[in-house]
N, C-alpha and C. Protein backbone atom coordinates (compact mmCIF):
# COMPACT_ATOMS: atom_id res chain seq x y z
N MET A 1 115.23 111.92 109.03
CA MET A 1 113.88 110.67 108.90
C MET A 1 114.14 110.22 110.02
N LYS A 2 112.93 110.60 110.48
CA LYS A 2 112.21 110.57 111.91
C LYS A 2 112.46 109.25 112.17
N VAL A 3 112.67 109.25 113.68
CA VAL A 3 112.73 107.63 113.82
C VAL A 3 111.82 107.06 114.31
N SER A 4 111.57 105.41 114.02
CA SER A 4 110.16 105.36 114.60
C SER A 4 109.56 104.83 116.27
N SER A 5 108.65 104.60 116.12
CA SER A 5 108.16 104.22 117.58
C SER A 5 108.62 102.66 117.85
N VAL A 6 108.29 102.18 118.99
CA VAL A 6 108.52 100.42 119.48
C VAL A 6 107.17 99.92 119.19
N GLY A 7 106.32 100.26 119.08
CA GLY A 7 104.74 99.68 118.33
C GLY A 7 104.56 99.97 117.26
N SER A 8 105.19 100.28 116.30
CA SER A 8 104.70 100.92 114.83
C SER A 8 105.18 99.70 114.03
N GLN A 9 104.37 99.77 113.38
CA GLN A 9 104.07 98.69 111.90
C GLN A 9 104.70 99.17 110.84
N SER A 10 104.64 98.69 109.52
CA SER A 10 104.82 99.32 108.09
C SER A 10 104.24 98.10 107.57
N ILE A 11 103.98 99.01 106.26
CA ILE A 11 102.96 97.59 104.99
C ILE A 11 103.90 99.28 103.81
N VAL A 12 103.69 98.39 102.39
CA VAL A 12 104.09 99.02 101.31
C VAL A 12 103.30 98.87 100.62
N LEU A 13 103.02 99.66 99.67
CA LEU A 13 101.86 100.09 98.82
C LEU A 13 102.62 101.05 97.20
N GLY A 14 101.92 100.47 96.26
CA GLY A 14 102.06 101.39 95.11
C GLY A 14 101.13 101.70 94.80
N GLY A 15 100.58 102.88 94.12
CA GLY A 15 99.65 103.32 93.54
C GLY A 15 100.03 104.40 92.35
N GLY A 16 100.72 103.87 91.70
CA GLY A 16 101.36 104.94 90.83
C GLY A 16 103.30 105.66 90.95
N CYS A 17 103.34 106.68 90.83
CA CYS A 17 104.58 107.43 90.89
C CYS A 17 104.22 107.71 92.70
N PHE A 18 105.14 106.97 93.26
CA PHE A 18 106.09 107.17 94.35
C PHE A 18 106.31 108.82 94.95
N TRP A 19 106.16 109.25 94.43
CA TRP A 19 106.05 110.72 95.22
C TRP A 19 104.71 111.22 95.51
N CYS A 20 103.46 110.84 94.31
CA CYS A 20 102.40 111.08 94.86
C CYS A 20 101.97 110.58 96.52
N LEU A 21 102.95 108.70 96.68
CA LEU A 21 102.30 108.59 97.93
C LEU A 21 102.65 109.08 99.14
N GLU A 22 104.39 109.05 98.80
CA GLU A 22 104.93 109.74 99.41
C GLU A 22 104.27 110.88 100.54
N ALA A 23 104.06 112.18 99.71
CA ALA A 23 103.52 113.22 99.43
C ALA A 23 102.45 113.27 100.80
N VAL A 24 101.43 112.60 100.24
CA VAL A 24 99.76 111.79 100.70
C VAL A 24 100.07 111.97 102.30
N TYR A 25 100.81 110.98 102.15
CA TYR A 25 100.50 109.89 104.18
C TYR A 25 101.60 110.69 104.77
N GLN A 26 102.32 111.76 104.13
CA GLN A 26 103.21 112.50 104.66
C GLN A 26 102.54 113.49 105.55
N MET A 27 100.85 113.66 105.43
CA MET A 27 100.56 114.75 105.92
C MET A 27 99.65 114.10 106.55
N VAL A 28 99.43 112.54 106.47
CA VAL A 28 98.55 112.11 107.97
C VAL A 28 99.60 111.90 109.23
N ASP A 29 98.51 112.08 110.59
CA ASP A 29 99.06 111.66 111.63
C ASP A 29 99.01 110.40 111.87
N GLY A 30 100.16 109.93 112.73
CA GLY A 30 100.38 108.74 113.31
C GLY A 30 100.91 108.35 112.18
N VAL A 31 101.31 108.94 111.24
CA VAL A 31 102.43 108.48 109.94
C VAL A 31 104.08 108.27 110.76
N GLU A 32 104.94 107.71 110.63
CA GLU A 32 106.05 108.30 111.17
C GLU A 32 107.19 107.91 110.48
N VAL A 33 107.15 107.36 109.02
CA VAL A 33 108.25 107.16 108.50
C VAL A 33 107.60 106.69 106.63
N ILE A 34 108.45 107.30 105.72
CA ILE A 34 107.93 107.40 104.68
C ILE A 34 108.66 107.11 103.63
N VAL A 35 109.05 105.99 103.48
CA VAL A 35 110.56 105.81 102.48
C VAL A 35 110.33 105.46 101.24
N SER A 36 110.27 106.40 99.99
CA SER A 36 109.65 105.79 98.45
C SER A 36 111.07 104.80 97.92
N GLY A 37 110.77 103.81 97.90
CA GLY A 37 111.32 102.75 97.17
C GLY A 37 111.23 101.66 96.09
N TYR A 38 110.97 100.56 95.63
CA TYR A 38 110.29 99.94 94.62
C TYR A 38 110.58 97.85 95.26
N ALA A 39 109.76 98.19 94.97
CA ALA A 39 109.25 95.90 95.58
C ALA A 39 108.70 95.42 94.50
N GLY A 40 108.42 93.91 94.63
CA GLY A 40 107.75 93.75 93.64
C GLY A 40 108.10 92.60 92.71
N GLY A 41 109.53 92.71 92.45
CA GLY A 41 110.41 92.42 91.28
C GLY A 41 111.06 91.59 91.20
N HIS A 42 111.91 90.96 90.56
CA HIS A 42 113.06 90.22 90.53
C HIS A 42 114.22 90.65 90.99
N LEU A 43 114.52 91.88 90.39
CA LEU A 43 116.21 92.29 90.19
C LEU A 43 116.66 92.94 91.91
N ASP A 44 117.93 92.52 92.50
CA ASP A 44 117.95 92.44 93.43
C ASP A 44 118.76 94.63 93.24
N ASN A 45 118.19 95.04 94.18
CA ASN A 45 119.09 96.17 94.15
C ASN A 45 118.45 97.44 93.13
N PRO A 46 117.97 97.31 92.29
CA PRO A 46 117.58 98.13 91.25
C PRO A 46 118.12 99.68 91.33
N THR A 47 118.05 99.97 90.18
CA THR A 47 118.38 101.55 90.31
C THR A 47 116.68 102.30 89.36
N TYR A 48 116.57 103.39 89.78
CA TYR A 48 115.84 104.37 89.00
C TYR A 48 115.52 103.67 87.34
N GLU A 49 116.16 104.38 86.41
CA GLU A 49 116.51 104.04 85.57
C GLU A 49 116.29 102.65 85.05
N GLN A 50 116.94 101.44 85.22
CA GLN A 50 116.09 99.79 85.55
C GLN A 50 114.63 100.07 86.04
N VAL A 51 114.59 99.96 86.61
CA VAL A 51 112.91 100.19 87.39
C VAL A 51 111.51 100.77 86.27
N MET A 52 112.10 102.08 85.34
CA MET A 52 111.86 102.40 84.33
C MET A 52 111.15 102.08 83.41
N LEU A 53 112.62 101.18 83.15
CA LEU A 53 112.47 100.22 81.68
C LEU A 53 111.16 99.02 81.58
N GLY A 54 110.89 98.80 82.78
CA GLY A 54 109.52 98.30 82.90
C GLY A 54 109.82 96.45 83.30
N SER A 55 111.11 95.97 82.85
CA SER A 55 111.32 94.64 83.01
C SER A 55 112.03 94.16 84.28
N THR A 56 112.09 94.78 85.26
CA THR A 56 112.40 94.28 86.53
C THR A 56 111.18 93.64 86.99
N GLY A 57 110.08 94.25 87.00
CA GLY A 57 109.25 93.51 88.17
C GLY A 57 108.60 94.58 88.96
N HIS A 58 109.80 95.03 89.08
CA HIS A 58 109.49 96.63 90.66
C HIS A 58 107.81 97.21 90.00
N ALA A 59 107.55 97.25 91.14
CA ALA A 59 106.56 98.83 91.63
C ALA A 59 107.34 99.39 91.57
N GLU A 60 106.79 101.24 91.63
CA GLU A 60 107.21 102.19 92.69
C GLU A 60 106.11 102.20 93.71
N VAL A 61 106.84 102.19 94.92
CA VAL A 61 106.00 102.29 96.29
C VAL A 61 106.79 103.40 97.26
N VAL A 62 105.49 103.15 98.18
CA VAL A 62 106.65 103.84 99.42
C VAL A 62 106.23 102.46 101.19
N LYS A 63 107.20 102.71 101.38
CA LYS A 63 107.35 102.21 102.80
C LYS A 63 105.97 102.62 103.51
N VAL A 64 105.29 102.89 104.12
CA VAL A 64 104.54 103.71 105.10
C VAL A 64 104.32 103.00 106.39
N GLN A 65 105.54 103.52 107.28
CA GLN A 65 105.64 103.28 108.85
C GLN A 65 104.46 104.13 110.02
N PHE A 66 103.76 103.27 110.54
CA PHE A 66 103.14 103.80 111.22
C PHE A 66 103.15 103.29 112.16
N ASP A 67 102.41 104.13 113.42
CA ASP A 67 102.04 103.99 114.77
C ASP A 67 100.36 103.65 115.06
N PRO A 68 100.34 102.59 115.31
CA PRO A 68 99.05 102.28 115.39
C PRO A 68 97.99 102.74 116.72
N SER A 69 98.11 102.79 117.12
CA SER A 69 98.15 103.29 118.27
C SER A 69 97.12 104.89 118.08
N ILE A 70 97.44 106.09 116.85
CA ILE A 70 97.46 106.54 116.23
C ILE A 70 96.35 106.62 114.84
N ILE A 71 96.95 105.61 114.13
CA ILE A 71 96.75 105.19 112.54
C ILE A 71 96.06 103.69 113.08
N THR A 72 95.19 103.72 112.35
CA THR A 72 95.31 101.73 112.20
C THR A 72 95.49 101.61 110.55
N LEU A 73 95.61 100.34 110.15
CA LEU A 73 96.06 99.73 108.67
C LEU A 73 94.76 99.98 108.10
N GLU A 74 93.94 99.85 108.38
CA GLU A 74 92.77 99.99 107.33
C GLU A 74 92.15 101.26 107.33
N VAL A 75 92.66 102.61 108.53
CA VAL A 75 93.19 103.80 107.81
C VAL A 75 93.80 103.84 107.20
N VAL A 76 94.95 104.03 107.28
CA VAL A 76 95.90 103.87 106.20
C VAL A 76 95.50 103.73 104.53
N LEU A 77 94.63 102.02 104.50
CA LEU A 77 94.73 101.85 103.06
C LEU A 77 92.77 102.49 103.19
N GLU A 78 92.20 103.03 103.55
CA GLU A 78 91.20 103.71 102.85
C GLU A 78 91.95 105.02 102.24
N ILE A 79 92.88 105.94 102.68
CA ILE A 79 92.93 106.27 102.16
C ILE A 79 94.36 105.72 101.06
N PHE A 80 94.44 104.62 101.02
CA PHE A 80 95.27 104.62 99.82
C PHE A 80 94.33 104.42 98.86
N TRP A 81 93.04 103.44 98.82
CA TRP A 81 92.13 103.42 97.45
C TRP A 81 91.95 104.55 97.57
N GLY A 82 91.30 105.31 98.28
CA GLY A 82 90.61 107.00 97.85
C GLY A 82 91.23 107.78 97.11
N LEU A 83 92.58 107.97 97.19
CA LEU A 83 93.72 108.60 96.14
C LEU A 83 94.41 108.19 95.08
N HIS A 84 94.09 107.28 94.06
CA HIS A 84 93.90 106.63 93.27
C HIS A 84 92.89 105.39 92.74
N ASP A 85 93.36 105.24 91.08
CA ASP A 85 92.53 104.29 90.55
C ASP A 85 92.75 102.94 90.50
N PRO A 86 92.44 102.00 91.36
CA PRO A 86 92.43 100.65 91.42
C PRO A 86 92.46 99.77 90.86
N THR A 87 91.50 100.17 89.66
CA THR A 87 90.91 99.77 88.83
C THR A 87 91.42 99.36 87.07
N THR A 88 92.99 100.79 86.78
CA THR A 88 93.68 100.42 85.96
C THR A 88 95.10 99.55 86.01
N SER A 89 94.97 98.90 84.77
CA SER A 89 96.32 97.58 85.38
C SER A 89 97.71 98.88 84.61
N ASN A 90 98.52 98.92 85.20
CA ASN A 90 99.71 99.34 84.72
C ASN A 90 100.16 100.65 84.15
N ARG A 91 99.06 101.39 85.13
CA ARG A 91 99.26 102.72 84.47
C ARG A 91 98.55 103.88 86.63
N GLN A 92 98.48 105.01 86.40
CA GLN A 92 97.67 105.55 87.11
C GLN A 92 98.00 107.38 86.30
N GLY A 93 97.37 107.70 85.34
CA GLY A 93 96.71 109.17 84.50
C GLY A 93 97.94 108.93 83.42
N HIS A 94 98.69 109.48 83.22
CA HIS A 94 99.72 109.53 82.27
C HIS A 94 100.95 108.50 82.51
N ASP A 95 100.88 107.91 84.14
CA ASP A 95 102.06 106.92 83.63
C ASP A 95 101.96 106.07 83.96
N VAL A 96 102.27 105.27 82.95
CA VAL A 96 102.28 104.46 82.13
C VAL A 96 103.44 102.53 82.60
N GLY A 97 103.16 101.96 82.55
CA GLY A 97 104.11 100.94 82.54
C GLY A 97 104.07 99.90 83.73
N SER A 98 104.21 98.56 84.63
CA SER A 98 103.84 97.65 85.54
C SER A 98 104.92 98.57 86.67
N GLN A 99 105.18 99.16 86.09
CA GLN A 99 106.50 100.29 87.91
C GLN A 99 105.21 100.87 88.39
N TYR A 100 104.51 101.32 87.93
CA TYR A 100 103.36 102.44 88.05
C TYR A 100 101.84 101.31 88.59
N ARG A 101 101.99 99.82 88.43
CA ARG A 101 100.61 99.39 89.72
C ARG A 101 100.48 99.67 90.09
N SER A 102 99.10 99.49 91.36
CA SER A 102 98.45 98.91 92.27
C SER A 102 98.92 98.07 92.59
N ILE A 103 99.59 98.42 94.02
CA ILE A 103 99.69 96.62 94.96
C ILE A 103 99.72 97.49 95.83
N ILE A 104 99.81 96.14 96.78
CA ILE A 104 99.82 96.15 98.49
C ILE A 104 100.90 94.82 99.12
N LEU A 105 101.86 95.12 99.73
CA LEU A 105 102.60 94.25 100.07
C LEU A 105 102.94 94.07 101.06
N TYR A 106 102.79 92.83 101.63
CA TYR A 106 102.52 92.79 103.32
C TYR A 106 103.28 91.70 103.39
N SER A 107 103.80 92.06 104.78
CA SER A 107 104.45 91.77 105.83
C SER A 107 104.08 90.10 106.68
N ASN A 108 102.84 90.41 107.14
CA ASN A 108 101.99 89.25 108.02
C ASN A 108 100.97 89.24 107.59
N GLU A 109 100.76 88.33 108.05
CA GLU A 109 99.21 87.30 108.08
C GLU A 109 97.44 88.57 107.87
N GLU A 110 98.22 89.68 109.64
CA GLU A 110 96.69 89.71 109.48
C GLU A 110 96.96 90.87 108.87
N HIS A 111 98.23 91.92 108.29
CA HIS A 111 98.09 92.97 107.64
C HIS A 111 97.54 92.17 105.88
N ARG A 112 97.44 90.86 105.77
CA ARG A 112 96.95 90.50 104.54
C ARG A 112 96.18 90.19 104.41
N ARG A 113 95.57 90.02 105.58
CA ARG A 113 93.66 89.96 105.62
C ARG A 113 93.16 90.85 105.44
N LEU A 114 94.00 92.16 106.34
CA LEU A 114 92.63 93.03 106.04
C LEU A 114 93.47 94.27 104.98
N ALA A 115 94.51 93.23 103.99
CA ALA A 115 94.10 94.38 102.68
C ALA A 115 93.05 93.31 102.20
N GLU A 116 92.90 92.51 101.69
CA GLU A 116 91.85 91.51 101.04
C GLU A 116 90.61 91.72 101.60
N ALA A 117 90.54 92.28 102.99
CA ALA A 117 89.05 92.43 102.91
C ALA A 117 88.83 94.36 103.20
N SER A 118 89.73 95.41 102.64
CA SER A 118 89.34 96.45 102.67
C SER A 118 89.31 96.41 101.10
N LYS A 119 89.77 95.58 100.29
CA LYS A 119 89.84 95.28 98.56
C LYS A 119 87.92 95.04 98.42
N GLU A 120 87.98 94.41 99.12
CA GLU A 120 86.52 93.47 98.76
C GLU A 120 85.53 95.48 99.26
N GLU A 121 85.77 95.45 99.91
CA GLU A 121 84.89 96.41 100.38
C GLU A 121 85.13 97.45 99.06
N VAL A 122 85.89 98.40 99.00
CA VAL A 122 86.55 98.95 98.12
C VAL A 122 85.60 98.38 96.61
N ALA A 123 85.85 97.25 96.04
CA ALA A 123 85.31 96.61 95.19
C ALA A 123 83.51 96.97 95.04
N LYS A 124 83.01 97.45 96.09
CA LYS A 124 81.62 97.47 96.08
C LYS A 124 81.36 99.17 95.33
N LEU A 125 82.44 99.68 95.70
CA LEU A 125 82.60 100.96 95.17
C LEU A 125 82.73 101.72 93.59
N TRP A 126 83.12 100.60 92.70
CA TRP A 126 83.67 100.81 91.50
C TRP A 126 83.06 100.15 90.12
N PRO A 127 82.32 100.49 89.48
CA PRO A 127 81.74 99.62 88.23
C PRO A 127 82.91 98.87 87.55
N GLU A 128 84.27 98.74 88.09
CA GLU A 128 85.07 98.33 87.17
C GLU A 128 85.75 97.34 88.07
N PRO A 129 86.51 95.78 88.08
CA PRO A 129 87.20 95.44 88.50
C PRO A 129 88.72 95.94 89.25
N ILE A 130 88.69 95.61 90.31
CA ILE A 130 90.07 96.42 91.13
C ILE A 130 90.64 95.08 90.82
N VAL A 131 92.33 95.81 90.26
CA VAL A 131 93.05 95.03 89.70
C VAL A 131 94.12 95.16 90.81
N THR A 132 94.17 95.98 91.77
CA THR A 132 95.50 96.04 92.97
C THR A 132 95.81 94.89 93.89
N GLU A 133 97.41 93.73 93.41
CA GLU A 133 98.31 92.96 93.70
C GLU A 133 97.67 93.28 94.99
N ILE A 134 97.59 91.87 95.31
CA ILE A 134 98.09 91.97 97.21
C ILE A 134 99.07 91.08 97.68
N VAL A 135 100.37 90.88 97.54
CA VAL A 135 101.21 90.19 97.88
C VAL A 135 102.73 89.71 98.34
N PRO A 136 103.08 89.10 99.98
CA PRO A 136 103.59 88.81 100.15
C PRO A 136 105.11 89.97 100.02
N LEU A 137 105.23 90.86 100.87
CA LEU A 137 106.36 91.40 100.60
C LEU A 137 108.26 90.36 100.39
N GLU A 138 108.67 90.68 99.51
CA GLU A 138 110.25 89.85 99.38
C GLU A 138 111.00 90.75 99.93
N ARG A 139 111.08 91.70 99.25
CA ARG A 139 112.58 92.68 99.57
C ARG A 139 112.11 94.13 99.33
N PHE A 140 112.09 94.96 100.01
CA PHE A 140 112.38 96.65 99.75
C PHE A 140 113.42 97.00 99.38
N PHE A 141 113.35 97.60 98.32
CA PHE A 141 114.50 98.46 98.06
C PHE A 141 114.87 99.71 98.09
N GLU A 142 115.18 100.33 98.78
CA GLU A 142 115.12 102.44 99.17
C GLU A 142 115.07 102.66 97.79
N ALA A 143 114.57 104.12 97.18
CA ALA A 143 114.98 104.61 96.34
C ALA A 143 115.99 105.13 96.08
N GLU A 144 117.11 106.20 95.39
CA GLU A 144 117.90 107.00 95.81
C GLU A 144 117.99 108.31 95.93
N SER A 145 118.37 108.77 96.74
CA SER A 145 118.35 110.12 98.29
C SER A 145 117.25 111.26 97.19
N TYR A 146 117.92 111.46 95.69
CA TYR A 146 117.03 112.36 95.67
C TYR A 146 115.20 112.24 94.90
N HIS A 147 114.93 111.18 95.21
CA HIS A 147 113.22 110.63 95.01
C HIS A 147 112.65 111.03 96.59
N GLN A 148 113.55 111.00 97.42
CA GLN A 148 112.63 111.14 98.78
C GLN A 148 112.75 112.58 99.08
N ASN A 149 111.19 112.45 99.64
CA ASN A 149 110.48 113.88 100.16
C ASN A 149 111.30 114.47 99.18
N TYR A 150 110.27 113.94 97.68
CA TYR A 150 110.30 115.31 96.25
C TYR A 150 109.54 116.02 96.51
N PHE A 151 108.37 115.71 96.96
CA PHE A 151 107.45 116.85 96.75
C PHE A 151 108.04 118.42 97.95
N ARG A 152 108.12 117.87 98.58
CA ARG A 152 108.85 119.25 99.84
C ARG A 152 109.99 119.79 99.60
N SER A 153 111.01 118.69 98.87
CA SER A 153 111.88 119.34 97.89
C SER A 153 111.29 120.47 96.79
N HIS A 154 110.94 119.92 95.72
CA HIS A 154 110.46 120.45 94.30
C HIS A 154 108.82 120.99 94.58
N PRO A 155 108.08 121.89 95.24
CA PRO A 155 106.30 122.50 95.35
C PRO A 155 106.55 123.02 93.74
N GLU A 156 107.65 123.37 93.36
CA GLU A 156 107.69 124.40 91.84
C GLU A 156 107.39 123.40 91.16
N GLN A 157 107.75 122.38 90.98
CA GLN A 157 107.93 121.51 89.93
C GLN A 157 106.78 120.96 88.56
N GLY A 158 106.61 121.06 87.72
CA GLY A 158 105.48 120.59 87.55
C GLY A 158 104.52 119.85 87.47
N TYR A 159 105.32 118.31 87.84
CA TYR A 159 104.95 117.27 88.07
C TYR A 159 103.87 117.05 89.36
N CYS A 160 104.89 117.95 90.20
CA CYS A 160 103.88 118.14 91.62
C CYS A 160 103.32 118.97 91.60
N GLN A 161 102.85 120.04 90.56
CA GLN A 161 102.05 121.16 90.78
C GLN A 161 100.56 120.45 89.90
N VAL A 162 101.09 119.52 89.44
CA VAL A 162 99.84 119.17 87.61
C VAL A 162 99.25 117.69 88.59
N VAL A 163 100.19 117.14 88.82
CA VAL A 163 99.75 115.72 89.31
C VAL A 163 99.63 115.27 90.99
N ILE A 164 100.80 115.84 92.12
CA ILE A 164 100.98 115.22 92.97
C ILE A 164 99.20 116.62 93.75
N ASN A 165 99.48 117.45 92.99
CA ASN A 165 98.59 118.98 94.32
C ASN A 165 97.66 118.72 94.19
N PRO A 166 96.89 117.78 93.06
CA PRO A 166 95.48 117.45 93.29
C PRO A 166 94.86 116.47 94.48
N LYS A 167 95.99 115.53 94.65
CA LYS A 167 95.96 114.59 95.21
C LYS A 167 95.93 115.26 96.81
N LEU A 168 96.55 115.71 97.23
CA LEU A 168 96.87 116.74 98.46
C LEU A 168 95.43 117.16 98.75
N ILE A 169 94.81 117.75 97.59
CA ILE A 169 93.37 118.98 97.47
C ILE A 169 92.25 117.97 98.12
N LYS A 170 92.81 116.02 97.30
CA LYS A 170 91.48 115.80 97.55
C LYS A 170 91.84 115.10 99.02
N LEU A 171 92.80 114.58 99.38
CA LEU A 171 93.02 114.35 100.33
C LEU A 171 92.85 115.32 102.01
N ARG A 172 92.53 116.50 101.70
CA ARG A 172 92.56 117.58 102.85
C ARG A 172 90.59 117.58 102.69
N GLN A 173 90.46 117.55 101.53
CA GLN A 173 88.44 117.69 101.55
C GLN A 173 88.10 116.29 101.97
N HIS A 174 89.20 115.18 101.65
CA HIS A 174 87.66 113.39 102.84
C HIS A 174 88.23 113.01 103.26
N PHE A 175 89.54 113.31 103.75
CA PHE A 175 90.51 113.18 105.14
C PHE A 175 91.04 114.04 106.07
N ALA A 176 90.12 115.23 106.10
CA ALA A 176 90.69 115.87 106.93
C ALA A 176 91.45 116.03 108.13
N PRO A 177 89.96 115.39 109.24
CA PRO A 177 90.57 114.55 110.86
C PRO A 177 91.61 114.07 110.92
N LEU A 178 92.23 113.28 109.85
CA LEU A 178 93.46 112.17 109.97
C LEU A 178 94.83 113.51 110.15
N LEU A 179 94.80 114.55 108.72
CA LEU A 179 95.54 115.45 109.20
C LEU A 179 96.55 115.81 109.97
N ARG A 180 98.09 115.87 109.47
CA ARG A 180 98.84 116.51 110.78
C ARG A 180 97.98 117.92 111.21
N LYS A 181 98.41 118.11 112.76
CA LYS A 181 97.99 119.71 113.02
C LYS A 181 99.50 120.72 112.66
N ALA A 182 98.81 121.71 112.10
CA ALA A 182 100.56 122.87 112.37
C ALA A 182 101.35 123.00 113.15
N THR A 183 101.76 123.07 112.90
CA THR A 183 102.83 123.22 114.11
C THR A 183 103.24 124.84 113.82
């Protein structure tokens, strides 16, 4: 895991399976660290199996740590809105349950304000109401190690091919200037 810079900021986002968001943000320039995890619920130290039951209140999320001198929170959120459906309650595609809900968990008032403003802007683009929750981050629980860096570790896996790859194609088409340069 890359060490963050001194001026970095972070926000926690949920938009379906955390593997999708992790794979997307790993490609974005200025994003320093991505950690898959669980947040927004009531159970301390939840396991994947507990979260999948849907009774913990937690969503699958990613903590996106970024360098605001390279990428702003507004752009981080623009990518978030552009790569999932914020109008479906408790589901993204075939992933169904409250653990797959659209959610933004903020840690300061400025991030709350920017998240609310971005939600208002994106609402103008959707014919259905936006159901994304915007709530304070109380606790973030890191997911098990086998969930970290999932797409890069398992690009041939069926879910990666069918669900994640189309999101990465969309990212390349719509956000190409924001992507890391090949090294």
